[in-house]
Amino acid sequence: MKLNKMNPEQFKQTRKKLNLTQKKLAEELGLQDARHIRYIESGQRELKGVLLKCFEYYCEINQPKQQGE
């Protein structure tokens, strides 16, 4: 899943589809607190670099399975 064109609202919606709070996503990505997630969702920071790659990987391995898989 390529997320580098994701805007802040899309990032937030993706997090919610994964049923994660800001705090839980921060923990899953190895961040100290949810502040970084809030900054991305508010547009104060871009999702890029290692954090982008980690989020892409997290989304990939946690996609809901389709019927019949």
C-alpha atoms as a PDB file:
ATOM      1  CA  MET A   1       0.000   0.000   0.000  1.00  0.00           C
ATOM      2  CA  LYS A   2       1.498   3.335  -1.059  1.00  0.00           C
ATOM      3  CA  LEU A   3       0.476   6.182   1.220  1.00  0.00           C
ATOM      4  CA  ASN A   4       2.845   8.991   0.239  1.00  0.00           C
ATOM      5  CA  LYS A   5       0.018  10.983  -1.407  1.00  0.00           C
ATOM      6  CA  MET A   6      -2.211  10.662   1.654  1.00  0.00           C
ATOM      7  CA  ASN A   7      -3.642  13.893   3.071  1.00  0.00           C
ATOM      8  CA  PRO A   8      -4.233  14.380   6.817  1.00  0.00           C
ATOM      9  CA  GLU A   9      -7.912  13.403   6.634  1.00  0.00           C
ATOM     10  CA  GLN A  10      -7.125  10.224   4.697  1.00  0.00           C
ATOM     11  CA  PHE A  11      -4.487   9.342   7.282  1.00  0.00           C
ATOM     12  CA  LYS A  12      -7.045   9.792  10.053  1.00  0.00           C
ATOM     13  CA  GLN A  13      -9.657   7.696   8.221  1.00  0.00           C
ATOM     14  CA  THR A  14      -7.110   4.935   7.622  1.00  0.00           C
ATOM     15  CA  ARG A  15      -6.235   4.919  11.327  1.00  0.00           C
ATOM     16  CA  LYS A  16      -9.911   4.657  12.204  1.00  0.00           C
ATOM     17  CA  LYS A  17     -10.446   1.790   9.718  1.00  0.00           C
ATOM     18  CA  LEU A  18      -7.695  -0.032  11.595  1.00  0.00           C
ATOM     19  CA  ASN A  19      -9.709   0.562  14.801  1.00  0.00           C
ATOM     20  CA  LEU A  20      -6.805   2.374  16.438  1.00  0.00           C
ATOM     21  CA  THR A  21      -6.760   5.377  18.711  1.00  0.00           C
ATOM     22  CA  GLN A  22      -4.057   7.963  18.154  1.00  0.00           C
ATOM     23  CA  LYS A  23      -2.289   6.642  21.237  1.00  0.00           C
ATOM     24  CA  LYS A  24      -2.455   3.004  20.129  1.00  0.00           C
ATOM     25  CA  LEU A  25      -1.176   3.824  16.627  1.00  0.00           C
ATOM     26  CA  ALA A  26       1.696   5.783  18.147  1.00  0.00           C
ATOM     27  CA  GLU A  27       2.576   2.762  20.295  1.00  0.00           C
ATOM     28  CA  GLU A  28       2.347   0.389  17.324  1.00  0.00           C
ATOM     29  CA  LEU A  29       4.715   2.621  15.323  1.00  0.00           C
ATOM     30  CA  GLY A  30       7.191   2.891  18.200  1.00  0.00           C
ATOM     31  CA  LEU A  31       6.488   6.536  19.027  1.00  0.00           C
ATOM     32  CA  GLN A  32       6.662   7.844  22.587  1.00  0.00           C
ATOM     33  CA  ASP A  33       3.232   9.473  22.513  1.00  0.00           C
ATOM     34  CA  ALA A  34       0.269  10.362  20.305  1.00  0.00           C
ATOM     35  CA  ARG A  35       1.485  13.911  19.665  1.00  0.00           C
ATOM     36  CA  HIS A  36       3.103  12.894  16.355  1.00  0.00           C
ATOM     37  CA  ILE A  37      -0.135  11.311  15.165  1.00  0.00           C
ATOM     38  CA  ARG A  38      -2.096  14.434  16.127  1.00  0.00           C
ATOM     39  CA  TYR A  39       0.374  16.613  14.220  1.00  0.00           C
ATOM     40  CA  ILE A  40       0.014  14.478  11.080  1.00  0.00           C
ATOM     41  CA  GLU A  41      -3.784  14.447  11.319  1.00  0.00           C
ATOM     42  CA  SER A  42      -3.905  18.228  11.777  1.00  0.00           C
ATOM     43  CA  GLY A  43      -1.551  18.863   8.839  1.00  0.00           C
ATOM     44  CA  GLN A  44       1.215  20.304  11.039  1.00  0.00           C
ATOM     45  CA  ARG A  45       3.574  17.499   9.969  1.00  0.00           C
ATOM     46  CA  GLU A  46       3.900  15.359   6.876  1.00  0.00           C
ATOM     47  CA  LEU A  47       3.818  11.606   6.918  1.00  0.00           C
ATOM     48  CA  LYS A  48       7.235  10.815   5.440  1.00  0.00           C
ATOM     49  CA  GLY A  49      10.465   8.932   5.849  1.00  0.00           C
ATOM     50  CA  VAL A  50      10.710   6.021   8.237  1.00  0.00           C
ATOM     51  CA  LEU A  51       7.343   6.810   9.812  1.00  0.00           C
ATOM     52  CA  LEU A  52       5.664   6.595   6.390  1.00  0.00           C
ATOM     53  CA  LYS A  53       7.313   3.247   5.676  1.00  0.00           C
ATOM     54  CA  CYS A  54       6.323   1.895   9.089  1.00  0.00           C
ATOM     55  CA  PHE A  55       2.719   3.024   8.618  1.00  0.00           C
ATOM     56  CA  GLU A  56       2.591   1.475   5.115  1.00  0.00           C
ATOM     57  CA  TYR A  57       3.889  -1.815   6.495  1.00  0.00           C
ATOM     58  CA  TYR A  58       1.494  -1.725   9.453  1.00  0.00           C
ATOM     59  CA  CYS A  59      -1.441  -1.144   7.090  1.00  0.00           C
ATOM     60  CA  GLU A  60      -0.294  -3.971   4.835  1.00  0.00           C
ATOM     61  CA  ILE A  61      -0.057  -6.584   7.553  1.00  0.00           C
ATOM     62  CA  ASN A  62      -3.255  -5.486   9.278  1.00  0.00           C
ATOM     63  CA  GLN A  63      -5.619  -5.286   6.309  1.00  0.00           C
ATOM     64  CA  PRO A  64      -8.889  -7.062   6.989  1.00  0.00           C
ATOM     65  CA  LYS A  65      -9.060 -10.364   5.136  1.00  0.00           C
ATOM     66  CA  GLN A  66     -11.567 -10.594   2.291  1.00  0.00           C
ATOM     67  CA  GLN A  67     -14.121 -13.407   2.297  1.00  0.00           C
ATOM     68  CA  GLY A  68     -12.597 -16.582   0.857  1.00  0.00           C
ATOM     69  CA  GLU A  69      -8.969 -15.754   1.705  1.00  0.00           C
END
